[in-house]
């Protein structure tokens, strides 16, 4: 799964919520921490990971959602799905 696909999955999961997606897009970097740098809350991260699972056709354990490294940028999220970037 390439980097652009992962970002697009994130943007789709945040669209319609309480985020200025365009502003987030403008400041997003591959090493952005989705929580600390971008202010994405845990429920929205779960939505993002569910969409990643669906797209990559993998299943993450609920415990995986709580791992500290999953708060980092989309590279780690893609690696967590077993697909890498």
C-alpha atoms as a PDB file:
ATOM      1  CA  UNK A   1       0.000   0.000   0.000  1.00  0.00           C
ATOM      2  CA  UNK A   2       1.544   3.295  -0.967  1.00  0.00           C
ATOM      3  CA  UNK A   3       1.746   6.418   1.145  1.00  0.00           C
ATOM      4  CA  UNK A   4      -0.812   8.383  -0.852  1.00  0.00           C
ATOM      5  CA  UNK A   5      -3.431   5.649  -0.439  1.00  0.00           C
ATOM      6  CA  UNK A   6      -2.981   5.631   3.327  1.00  0.00           C
ATOM      7  CA  UNK A   7      -3.334   9.408   3.528  1.00  0.00           C
ATOM      8  CA  UNK A   8      -6.467   9.314   1.367  1.00  0.00           C
ATOM      9  CA  UNK A   9      -7.995   6.711   3.690  1.00  0.00           C
ATOM     10  CA  UNK A  10      -7.272   9.029   6.619  1.00  0.00           C
ATOM     11  CA  UNK A  11      -8.823  12.044   4.878  1.00  0.00           C
ATOM     12  CA  UNK A  12     -11.956  10.047   4.024  1.00  0.00           C
ATOM     13  CA  UNK A  13     -12.301   8.900   7.617  1.00  0.00           C
ATOM     14  CA  UNK A  14     -12.078  12.514   8.868  1.00  0.00           C
ATOM     15  CA  UNK A  15     -14.355  14.116   6.261  1.00  0.00           C
ATOM     16  CA  UNK A  16     -17.671  15.250   7.699  1.00  0.00           C
ATOM     17  CA  UNK A  17     -16.308  15.385  11.228  1.00  0.00           C
ATOM     18  CA  UNK A  18     -15.002  18.234  13.336  1.00  0.00           C
ATOM     19  CA  UNK A  19     -11.762  18.651  11.401  1.00  0.00           C
ATOM     20  CA  UNK A  20     -10.573  21.132   8.831  1.00  0.00           C
ATOM     21  CA  UNK A  21      -9.313  18.397   6.520  1.00  0.00           C
ATOM     22  CA  UNK A  22      -7.719  20.863   4.107  1.00  0.00           C
ATOM     23  CA  UNK A  23      -5.699  22.454   6.924  1.00  0.00           C
ATOM     24  CA  UNK A  24      -4.641  18.995   8.127  1.00  0.00           C
ATOM     25  CA  UNK A  25      -3.597  18.055   4.594  1.00  0.00           C
ATOM     26  CA  UNK A  26      -1.469  21.196   4.369  1.00  0.00           C
ATOM     27  CA  UNK A  27       0.511  20.411   7.507  1.00  0.00           C
ATOM     28  CA  UNK A  28       0.645  16.603   7.242  1.00  0.00           C
ATOM     29  CA  UNK A  29       4.068  14.984   6.868  1.00  0.00           C
ATOM     30  CA  UNK A  30       5.036  11.346   6.671  1.00  0.00           C
ATOM     31  CA  UNK A  31       6.400  11.522  10.221  1.00  0.00           C
ATOM     32  CA  UNK A  32       3.450  13.448  11.687  1.00  0.00           C
ATOM     33  CA  UNK A  33       2.074  12.109  14.939  1.00  0.00           C
ATOM     34  CA  UNK A  34      -1.641  11.809  14.270  1.00  0.00           C
ATOM     35  CA  UNK A  35      -2.534  12.608  17.879  1.00  0.00           C
ATOM     36  CA  UNK A  36       0.134  15.063  19.070  1.00  0.00           C
ATOM     37  CA  UNK A  37       0.813  16.918  15.797  1.00  0.00           C
ATOM     38  CA  UNK A  38      -2.560  16.758  14.091  1.00  0.00           C
ATOM     39  CA  UNK A  39      -4.967  16.578  17.027  1.00  0.00           C
ATOM     40  CA  UNK A  40      -6.866  13.525  15.842  1.00  0.00           C
ATOM     41  CA  UNK A  41      -8.792  11.910  18.678  1.00  0.00           C
ATOM     42  CA  UNK A  42      -8.817   8.229  19.561  1.00  0.00           C
ATOM     43  CA  UNK A  43     -12.285   7.501  18.172  1.00  0.00           C
ATOM     44  CA  UNK A  44     -11.350   8.977  14.821  1.00  0.00           C
ATOM     45  CA  UNK A  45      -8.152   6.920  14.854  1.00  0.00           C
ATOM     46  CA  UNK A  46     -10.240   3.783  15.354  1.00  0.00           C
ATOM     47  CA  UNK A  47     -12.344   4.768  12.333  1.00  0.00           C
ATOM     48  CA  UNK A  48      -9.139   5.279  10.342  1.00  0.00           C
ATOM     49  CA  UNK A  49      -7.745   1.886  11.354  1.00  0.00           C
ATOM     50  CA  UNK A  50     -11.042   0.176  10.505  1.00  0.00           C
ATOM     51  CA  UNK A  51     -10.909   1.716   7.036  1.00  0.00           C
ATOM     52  CA  UNK A  52      -7.273   0.611   6.679  1.00  0.00           C
ATOM     53  CA  UNK A  53      -8.259  -2.918   7.665  1.00  0.00           C
ATOM     54  CA  UNK A  54     -11.028  -2.946   5.100  1.00  0.00           C
ATOM     55  CA  UNK A  55      -8.847  -1.543   2.337  1.00  0.00           C
ATOM     56  CA  UNK A  56      -5.899  -3.864   3.040  1.00  0.00           C
ATOM     57  CA  UNK A  57      -8.129  -6.855   3.796  1.00  0.00           C
ATOM     58  CA  UNK A  58      -6.456  -7.503   7.154  1.00  0.00           C
ATOM     59  CA  UNK A  59      -7.686  -7.632  10.732  1.00  0.00           C
ATOM     60  CA  UNK A  60      -5.976  -5.833  13.605  1.00  0.00           C
ATOM     61  CA  UNK A  61      -6.568  -7.060  17.134  1.00  0.00           C
ATOM     62  CA  UNK A  62      -8.241  -4.552  19.439  1.00  0.00           C
ATOM     63  CA  UNK A  63      -5.009  -4.519  21.479  1.00  0.00           C
ATOM     64  CA  UNK A  64      -3.140  -3.242  18.410  1.00  0.00           C
ATOM     65  CA  UNK A  65      -5.204  -0.037  18.465  1.00  0.00           C
ATOM     66  CA  UNK A  66      -3.741   0.810  21.872  1.00  0.00           C
ATOM     67  CA  UNK A  67      -0.083   0.434  20.903  1.00  0.00           C
ATOM     68  CA  UNK A  68       1.785   3.753  21.279  1.00  0.00           C
ATOM     69  CA  UNK A  69       3.389   3.492  17.833  1.00  0.00           C
ATOM     70  CA  UNK A  70      -0.007   3.594  16.145  1.00  0.00           C
ATOM     71  CA  UNK A  71      -0.282   7.257  17.068  1.00  0.00           C
ATOM     72  CA  UNK A  72       2.635   8.052  14.771  1.00  0.00           C
ATOM     73  CA  UNK A  73       2.190   8.865  11.120  1.00  0.00           C
ATOM     74  CA  UNK A  74       0.626   6.760   8.431  1.00  0.00           C
ATOM     75  CA  UNK A  75       3.822   4.766   7.783  1.00  0.00           C
ATOM     76  CA  UNK A  76       3.367   3.038  11.102  1.00  0.00           C
ATOM     77  CA  UNK A  77      -0.323   2.552  10.453  1.00  0.00           C
ATOM     78  CA  UNK A  78       0.444   0.885   7.144  1.00  0.00           C
ATOM     79  CA  UNK A  79       3.086  -1.289   8.753  1.00  0.00           C
ATOM     80  CA  UNK A  80       0.585  -2.233  11.459  1.00  0.00           C
ATOM     81  CA  UNK A  81      -1.696  -3.637   8.777  1.00  0.00           C
ATOM     82  CA  UNK A  82       1.141  -5.802   7.570  1.00  0.00           C
ATOM     83  CA  UNK A  83       1.267  -4.007   4.230  1.00  0.00           C
ATOM     84  CA  UNK A  84       4.050  -1.456   4.705  1.00  0.00           C
ATOM     85  CA  UNK A  85       4.447   1.528   2.418  1.00  0.00           C
END
